[in-house]
Amino acid sequence: MYTRLRTYIYTCAPRINAATRPATHNKYSKYSDSAVQTAKKILSSILSYAVINDILPSNPAAVKQRQHKKVEKKQEVKCFDIQQAIKFLSFIEKPIPMYVPEHYVTRNGKRVLISEYLLGNYVVQLKYRAAFALTIFSGVRKEELLGLQWKDVDFRACSIDINKAVVYLPKEGYLVKAPKSEAGFRKIYLPQSCMDLMKKLKIEQRKAILTQGTAWEGSREIEENWCFTQENGLHMSPSTPRQELQRVIRAYNRNCKREEDTLPVITFHQLRHTSASILIAQGMEPTAVAKRLGHHDASVTLSIYAHSFEERDKAASNALESALVQRSV
């Protein structure tokens, strides 16, 4: 077999002319890529024969070539920017006017135009305001938010302890499990304004336990209760925060006079993206952002939020121009 390899290389293998060598080809190689691959296959078969006959313990040439995965361009993460997040948080603190849009009705066989009118004001419940603010300020996953108990909230240190998650499975129902990874176990510090909302929510829940009596199906011990629940104290449905969020955004957009002032209709998980994007825009290091989000590796953060780092790079370019070009003029 060795003779076969030597004969192939010196007689059969096509050589590359220096004048026609591709730009990407190794300039030190005298043989084409196909010739090299064929020689490798023959060499591997020789070594395999040696392994069969107990001459070698293993075939060093039997290494599978690494297949390069097709790199797909990732879509930009949809979320609020800083100004939109400020508008949203301010909007949910006030009663929201609900308008009935202009429409036609039929009366006595005639089509009548009804002008737009105010139906009333809608007030976002405290638990939803707290859930929205907590997610924006902490970047927690929805499952981690629903897995938060009052014993995990430290009002003195202004922090929350993420140590579990709650998911809903159609057959098993609600399931309490560990966070997504080891990095998911973390302590997150929050601003005082967010903790004040949580404190009000805790007081409201304590009152509900007393007033509802046996109708309260949660724990009678407040510290063991979930922070975000249904009216009866049981787990909040995972779809409820998303539905409420989108209802509020649409109400905000109906009150906007200009199209450019509207908010994007995002999902609840994209509030987490909002938190991360704002942190990056404010110059926070990727490793710190990754730790806060519960990513096991900063490269995951860099991959997901590449668009936010691009904005920082543009800002860096403008800063260099301001420092160097304008001063030299």
Protein backbone atom coordinates (compact mmCIF):
# COMPACT_ATOMS: atom_id res chain seq x y z
CA MET A 1 0.00 0.00 0.00
CA TYR A 2 2.92 2.31 0.62
CA THR A 3 4.05 1.63 -2.96
CA ARG A 4 0.56 2.56 -4.12
CA LEU A 5 0.76 5.88 -2.31
CA ARG A 6 4.25 6.68 -3.66
CA THR A 7 3.21 5.73 -7.21
CA TYR A 8 0.13 7.95 -7.01
CA ILE A 9 2.03 10.99 -5.78
CA TYR A 10 4.85 10.81 -8.35
CA THR A 11 2.86 9.72 -11.40
CA CYS A 12 -0.85 10.39 -11.01
CA ALA A 13 -1.27 13.40 -8.73
CA PRO A 14 -1.92 16.58 -10.71
CA ARG A 15 0.60 19.29 -9.94
CA ILE A 16 -0.17 22.99 -9.78
CA ASN A 17 1.46 25.44 -12.12
CA ALA A 18 2.66 28.56 -10.32
CA ALA A 19 1.08 30.75 -13.01
CA THR A 20 -2.37 29.23 -12.52
CA ARG A 21 -2.23 28.73 -8.75
CA PRO A 22 -5.37 30.10 -7.01
CA ALA A 23 -4.85 33.02 -4.66
CA THR A 24 -6.16 30.99 -1.72
CA HIS A 25 -3.87 28.02 -2.41
CA ASN A 26 -0.84 27.30 -0.22
CA LYS A 27 2.12 28.60 -2.21
CA TYR A 28 4.44 25.97 -0.70
CA SER A 29 2.36 23.05 -1.98
CA LYS A 30 3.17 21.48 -5.39
CA TYR A 31 -0.05 19.48 -5.55
CA SER A 32 -3.70 20.36 -5.99
CA ASP A 33 -6.16 20.12 -3.09
CA SER A 34 -7.85 17.05 -4.59
CA ALA A 35 -4.44 15.31 -4.87
CA VAL A 36 -3.68 16.04 -1.23
CA GLN A 37 -7.07 14.72 -0.11
CA THR A 38 -6.62 11.54 -2.13
CA ALA A 39 -3.16 11.02 -0.65
CA LYS A 40 -4.61 11.44 2.84
CA LYS A 41 -7.24 8.78 2.13
CA ILE A 42 -4.59 6.31 0.90
CA LEU A 43 -2.38 7.04 3.91
CA SER A 44 -5.35 6.50 6.23
CA SER A 45 -6.07 3.12 4.61
CA ILE A 46 -2.39 2.10 5.08
CA LEU A 47 -2.53 3.00 8.77
CA SER A 48 -5.87 1.22 9.18
CA TYR A 49 -4.26 -1.93 7.75
CA ALA A 50 -1.48 -1.53 10.33
CA VAL A 51 -4.05 -1.28 13.14
CA ILE A 52 -5.81 -4.47 11.94
CA ASN A 53 -2.50 -6.34 12.02
CA ASP A 54 -1.65 -5.01 15.52
CA ILE A 55 1.28 -2.98 14.22
CA LEU A 56 -0.22 0.31 15.49
CA PRO A 57 -2.63 0.82 18.42
CA SER A 58 -4.74 3.35 16.50
CA ASN A 59 -4.96 5.18 13.22
CA PRO A 60 -3.67 8.76 13.67
CA ALA A 61 -4.98 9.75 10.25
CA ALA A 62 -8.54 8.68 11.01
CA VAL A 63 -9.60 12.13 12.08
CA LYS A 64 -12.92 13.34 10.83
CA GLN A 65 -12.76 16.69 9.16
CA ARG A 66 -14.61 19.33 11.03
CA GLN A 67 -17.71 20.38 9.17
CA HIS A 68 -18.15 24.11 9.03
CA LYS A 69 -21.62 25.13 9.99
CA LYS A 70 -23.39 27.50 7.71
CA VAL A 71 -23.34 30.92 9.31
CA GLU A 72 -26.69 32.61 9.11
CA LYS A 73 -27.13 36.30 9.60
CA LYS A 74 -28.97 36.82 12.86
CA GLN A 75 -31.96 39.08 12.93
CA GLU A 76 -31.76 42.20 15.02
CA VAL A 77 -33.30 41.79 18.47
CA LYS A 78 -36.60 43.65 18.77
CA CYS A 79 -36.98 45.70 21.94
CA PHE A 80 -37.51 49.20 23.35
CA ASP A 81 -34.73 51.74 23.12
CA ILE A 82 -33.97 54.00 26.10
CA GLN A 83 -36.49 56.70 25.21
CA GLN A 84 -39.22 54.18 24.47
CA ALA A 85 -38.60 52.41 27.79
CA ILE A 86 -38.89 55.74 29.63
CA LYS A 87 -42.18 56.52 27.87
CA PHE A 88 -43.56 53.06 28.61
CA LEU A 89 -42.69 53.11 32.33
CA SER A 90 -44.17 56.59 32.69
CA PHE A 91 -47.31 55.65 30.76
CA ILE A 92 -48.27 52.65 32.94
CA GLU A 93 -48.17 54.76 36.11
CA LYS A 94 -51.18 56.85 35.02
CA PRO A 95 -54.78 55.95 34.09
CA ILE A 96 -54.91 55.05 30.41
CA PRO A 97 -57.75 56.63 28.40
CA MET A 98 -59.57 54.01 26.32
CA TYR A 99 -61.16 55.37 23.13
CA VAL A 100 -63.67 53.70 20.87
CA PRO A 101 -62.51 54.42 17.30
CA GLU A 102 -64.69 55.97 14.65
CA HIS A 103 -67.07 53.38 13.22
CA TYR A 104 -70.39 52.81 11.45
CA VAL A 105 -73.58 51.31 12.91
CA THR A 106 -76.94 50.54 11.34
CA ARG A 107 -79.97 52.28 12.86
CA ASN A 108 -83.48 52.00 11.43
CA GLY A 109 -82.00 50.60 8.25
CA LYS A 110 -79.61 53.52 7.83
CA ARG A 111 -75.81 53.48 8.11
CA VAL A 112 -74.74 55.99 10.75
CA LEU A 113 -71.18 57.20 11.44
CA ILE A 114 -70.24 57.23 15.13
CA SER A 115 -67.34 59.53 15.95
CA GLU A 116 -64.52 58.46 18.23
CA TYR A 117 -65.38 58.80 21.92
CA LEU A 118 -63.82 58.14 25.32
CA LEU A 119 -65.03 54.88 26.82
CA GLY A 120 -63.23 55.38 30.13
CA ASN A 121 -59.86 55.09 31.83
CA TYR A 122 -57.99 51.83 32.26
CA VAL A 123 -55.62 51.43 35.21
CA VAL A 124 -52.83 48.86 34.89
CA GLN A 125 -52.92 46.57 37.91
CA LEU A 126 -50.07 46.92 40.38
CA LYS A 127 -48.82 43.34 39.81
CA TYR A 128 -48.39 44.00 36.09
CA ARG A 129 -46.67 47.35 36.64
CA ALA A 130 -44.28 45.63 39.05
CA ALA A 131 -43.69 42.74 36.63
CA PHE A 132 -42.89 45.10 33.73
CA ALA A 133 -40.58 47.30 35.81
CA LEU A 134 -38.83 44.35 37.45
CA THR A 135 -38.13 42.70 34.09
CA ILE A 136 -36.80 45.89 32.50
CA PHE A 137 -34.58 46.72 35.48
CA SER A 138 -33.32 43.16 36.11
CA GLY A 139 -33.45 41.39 32.72
CA VAL A 140 -34.85 38.19 34.27
CA ARG A 141 -36.51 35.53 32.15
CA LYS A 142 -40.29 35.21 32.43
CA GLU A 143 -39.94 31.74 34.02
CA GLU A 144 -37.59 33.21 36.64
CA LEU A 145 -39.99 36.08 37.32
CA LEU A 146 -42.89 33.67 37.91
CA GLY A 147 -40.64 31.56 40.15
CA LEU A 148 -39.90 34.49 42.47
CA GLN A 149 -41.18 34.16 46.06
CA TRP A 150 -41.27 36.89 48.69
CA LYS A 151 -38.51 35.14 50.62
CA ASP A 152 -36.30 35.74 47.56
CA VAL A 153 -36.80 39.53 47.76
CA ASP A 154 -34.40 41.42 50.02
CA PHE A 155 -35.84 44.90 50.59
CA ARG A 156 -32.90 46.01 52.75
CA ALA A 157 -30.26 45.14 50.15
CA CYS A 158 -32.57 46.10 47.23
CA SER A 159 -31.96 42.76 45.54
CA ILE A 160 -33.69 39.59 44.38
CA ASP A 161 -32.32 36.06 44.50
CA ILE A 162 -32.93 34.00 41.35
CA ASN A 163 -32.82 30.31 42.30
CA LYS A 164 -35.72 28.65 40.46
CA ALA A 165 -38.09 28.97 37.53
CA VAL A 166 -41.74 28.08 36.96
CA VAL A 167 -42.87 26.61 33.63
CA TYR A 168 -46.23 25.30 32.47
CA LEU A 169 -46.50 21.96 30.69
CA PRO A 170 -49.85 20.95 29.14
CA LYS A 171 -49.87 17.47 30.73
CA GLU A 172 -47.96 18.04 33.98
CA GLY A 173 -49.27 21.54 34.76
CA TYR A 174 -47.03 24.03 36.60
CA LEU A 175 -43.52 22.75 37.27
CA VAL A 176 -40.92 24.35 39.54
CA LYS A 177 -37.41 23.69 38.27
CA ALA A 178 -33.88 25.04 38.48
CA PRO A 179 -32.83 28.02 36.33
CA LYS A 180 -31.67 27.43 32.76
CA SER A 181 -28.01 26.92 33.73
CA GLU A 182 -25.62 27.24 36.66
CA ALA A 183 -25.16 30.88 35.74
CA GLY A 184 -28.92 31.30 36.23
CA PHE A 185 -28.42 31.15 40.01
CA ARG A 186 -27.65 34.79 40.76
CA LYS A 187 -28.42 37.84 42.87
CA ILE A 188 -29.63 40.95 41.04
CA TYR A 189 -29.62 44.42 42.56
CA LEU A 190 -32.49 46.76 41.71
CA PRO A 191 -33.15 50.50 42.05
CA GLN A 192 -35.22 51.78 44.96
CA SER A 193 -38.11 52.79 42.69
CA CYS A 194 -38.52 49.17 41.57
CA MET A 195 -38.32 47.88 45.14
CA ASP A 196 -41.00 50.37 46.20
CA LEU A 197 -43.36 48.82 43.65
CA MET A 198 -42.56 45.35 44.99
CA LYS A 199 -43.18 46.55 48.55
CA LYS A 200 -46.63 47.88 47.56
CA LEU A 201 -47.39 44.58 45.82
CA LYS A 202 -46.47 42.63 48.94
CA ILE A 203 -48.78 44.79 51.08
CA GLU A 204 -51.58 44.32 48.53
CA GLN A 205 -51.10 40.54 48.55
CA ARG A 206 -51.09 40.40 52.36
CA LYS A 207 -54.45 42.22 52.36
CA ALA A 208 -55.82 39.77 49.77
CA ILE A 209 -54.88 36.81 52.02
CA LEU A 210 -56.84 38.36 54.90
CA THR A 211 -59.89 39.50 52.95
CA GLN A 212 -60.36 36.45 50.72
CA GLY A 213 -60.22 33.90 53.50
CA THR A 214 -60.69 30.35 52.19
CA ALA A 215 -60.93 31.65 48.62
CA TRP A 216 -57.17 32.30 48.77
CA GLU A 217 -55.55 29.12 47.42
CA GLY A 218 -51.96 30.22 47.89
CA SER A 219 -49.90 29.90 51.04
CA ARG A 220 -51.15 31.62 54.19
CA GLU A 221 -47.53 32.47 54.98
CA ILE A 222 -46.68 35.56 52.91
CA GLU A 223 -42.97 34.74 52.55
CA GLU A 224 -43.80 31.39 50.91
CA ASN A 225 -46.14 32.94 48.37
CA TRP A 226 -45.26 33.65 44.76
CA CYS A 227 -44.77 37.34 44.06
CA PHE A 228 -46.84 37.26 40.87
CA THR A 229 -50.07 35.30 41.15
CA GLN A 230 -53.65 35.05 39.98
CA GLU A 231 -56.36 36.69 42.07
CA ASN A 232 -56.70 33.48 44.14
CA GLY A 233 -52.98 33.21 44.92
CA LEU A 234 -52.11 30.44 42.46
CA HIS A 235 -49.43 30.67 39.75
CA MET A 236 -49.90 33.38 37.18
CA SER A 237 -50.32 31.94 33.68
CA PRO A 238 -47.15 32.46 31.55
CA SER A 239 -49.28 33.98 28.75
CA THR A 240 -50.87 36.62 31.02
CA PRO A 241 -47.90 39.05 31.25
CA ARG A 242 -47.47 39.01 27.46
CA GLN A 243 -51.16 39.68 26.82
CA GLU A 244 -51.26 42.51 29.34
CA LEU A 245 -48.05 44.05 27.98
CA GLN A 246 -49.34 44.12 24.42
CA ARG A 247 -52.71 45.49 25.57
CA VAL A 248 -50.93 48.40 27.26
CA ILE A 249 -48.67 49.08 24.24
CA ARG A 250 -51.64 49.17 21.86
CA ALA A 251 -53.45 51.55 24.23
CA TYR A 252 -50.38 53.80 24.22
CA ASN A 253 -50.16 53.74 20.42
CA ARG A 254 -53.84 54.70 20.08
CA ASN A 255 -53.06 57.85 22.06
CA CYS A 256 -50.15 58.82 19.79
CA LYS A 257 -50.85 61.51 17.22
CA ARG A 258 -47.76 60.73 15.13
CA GLU A 259 -46.70 57.35 13.79
CA GLU A 260 -43.05 57.92 14.76
CA ASP A 261 -44.05 58.31 18.43
CA THR A 262 -45.61 54.83 18.70
CA LEU A 263 -44.01 51.93 20.55
CA PRO A 264 -43.15 48.59 18.90
CA VAL A 265 -45.55 45.82 19.96
CA ILE A 266 -43.05 43.50 21.63
CA THR A 267 -43.37 40.27 23.62
CA PHE A 268 -42.75 39.99 27.34
CA HIS A 269 -39.40 38.25 26.73
CA GLN A 270 -38.29 41.26 24.70
CA LEU A 271 -38.42 43.35 27.87
CA ARG A 272 -35.40 41.25 28.87
CA HIS A 273 -33.75 42.25 25.58
CA THR A 274 -34.62 45.86 26.40
CA SER A 275 -32.76 45.60 29.72
CA ALA A 276 -29.65 44.11 28.10
CA SER A 277 -29.59 46.57 25.20
CA ILE A 278 -29.86 49.57 27.53
CA LEU A 279 -27.03 48.26 29.72
CA ILE A 280 -24.81 47.83 26.66
CA ALA A 281 -25.76 51.26 25.35
CA GLN A 282 -24.72 52.73 28.70
CA GLY A 283 -21.25 51.20 28.33
CA MET A 284 -21.53 48.25 30.71
CA GLU A 285 -18.98 45.49 30.09
CA PRO A 286 -20.24 42.33 28.31
CA THR A 287 -19.12 40.10 31.19
CA ALA A 288 -21.15 42.13 33.69
CA VAL A 289 -24.19 42.11 31.40
CA ALA A 290 -23.85 38.34 30.91
CA LYS A 291 -23.69 37.76 34.68
CA ARG A 292 -26.79 39.87 35.27
CA LEU A 293 -28.73 38.07 32.53
CA GLY A 294 -27.66 34.62 33.70
CA HIS A 295 -25.63 33.74 30.59
CA HIS A 296 -22.94 31.12 31.20
CA ASP A 297 -20.58 32.82 28.75
CA ALA A 298 -20.15 36.43 27.65
CA SER A 299 -19.87 35.21 24.05
CA VAL A 300 -23.59 34.35 24.21
CA THR A 301 -24.33 37.94 25.17
CA LEU A 302 -22.07 39.26 22.41
CA SER A 303 -23.83 37.04 19.87
CA ILE A 304 -27.40 37.96 20.84
CA TYR A 305 -26.85 41.68 21.32
CA ALA A 306 -24.35 42.34 18.54
CA HIS A 307 -26.51 45.19 17.21
CA SER A 308 -26.16 47.08 20.51
CA PHE A 309 -22.37 46.81 20.37
CA GLU A 310 -22.48 48.11 16.80
CA GLU A 311 -24.19 51.27 18.07
CA ARG A 312 -21.40 51.69 20.61
CA ASP A 313 -18.85 51.26 17.84
CA LYS A 314 -20.54 54.05 15.85
CA ALA A 315 -20.39 56.26 18.92
CA ALA A 316 -16.69 55.42 19.29
CA SER A 317 -16.11 56.41 15.65
CA ASN A 318 -17.85 59.75 16.20
CA ALA A 319 -15.82 60.34 19.37
CA LEU A 320 -12.56 59.72 17.50
CA GLU A 321 -13.62 62.07 14.73
CA SER A 322 -14.49 64.74 17.26
CA ALA A 323 -11.17 64.30 19.05
CA LEU A 324 -8.84 64.01 16.07
CA VAL A 325 -10.34 65.36 12.85
CA GLN A 326 -11.99 68.52 14.10
CA ARG A 327 -8.99 69.53 16.20
CA SER A 328 -6.63 69.13 13.28
CA VAL A 329 -8.67 71.49 11.07
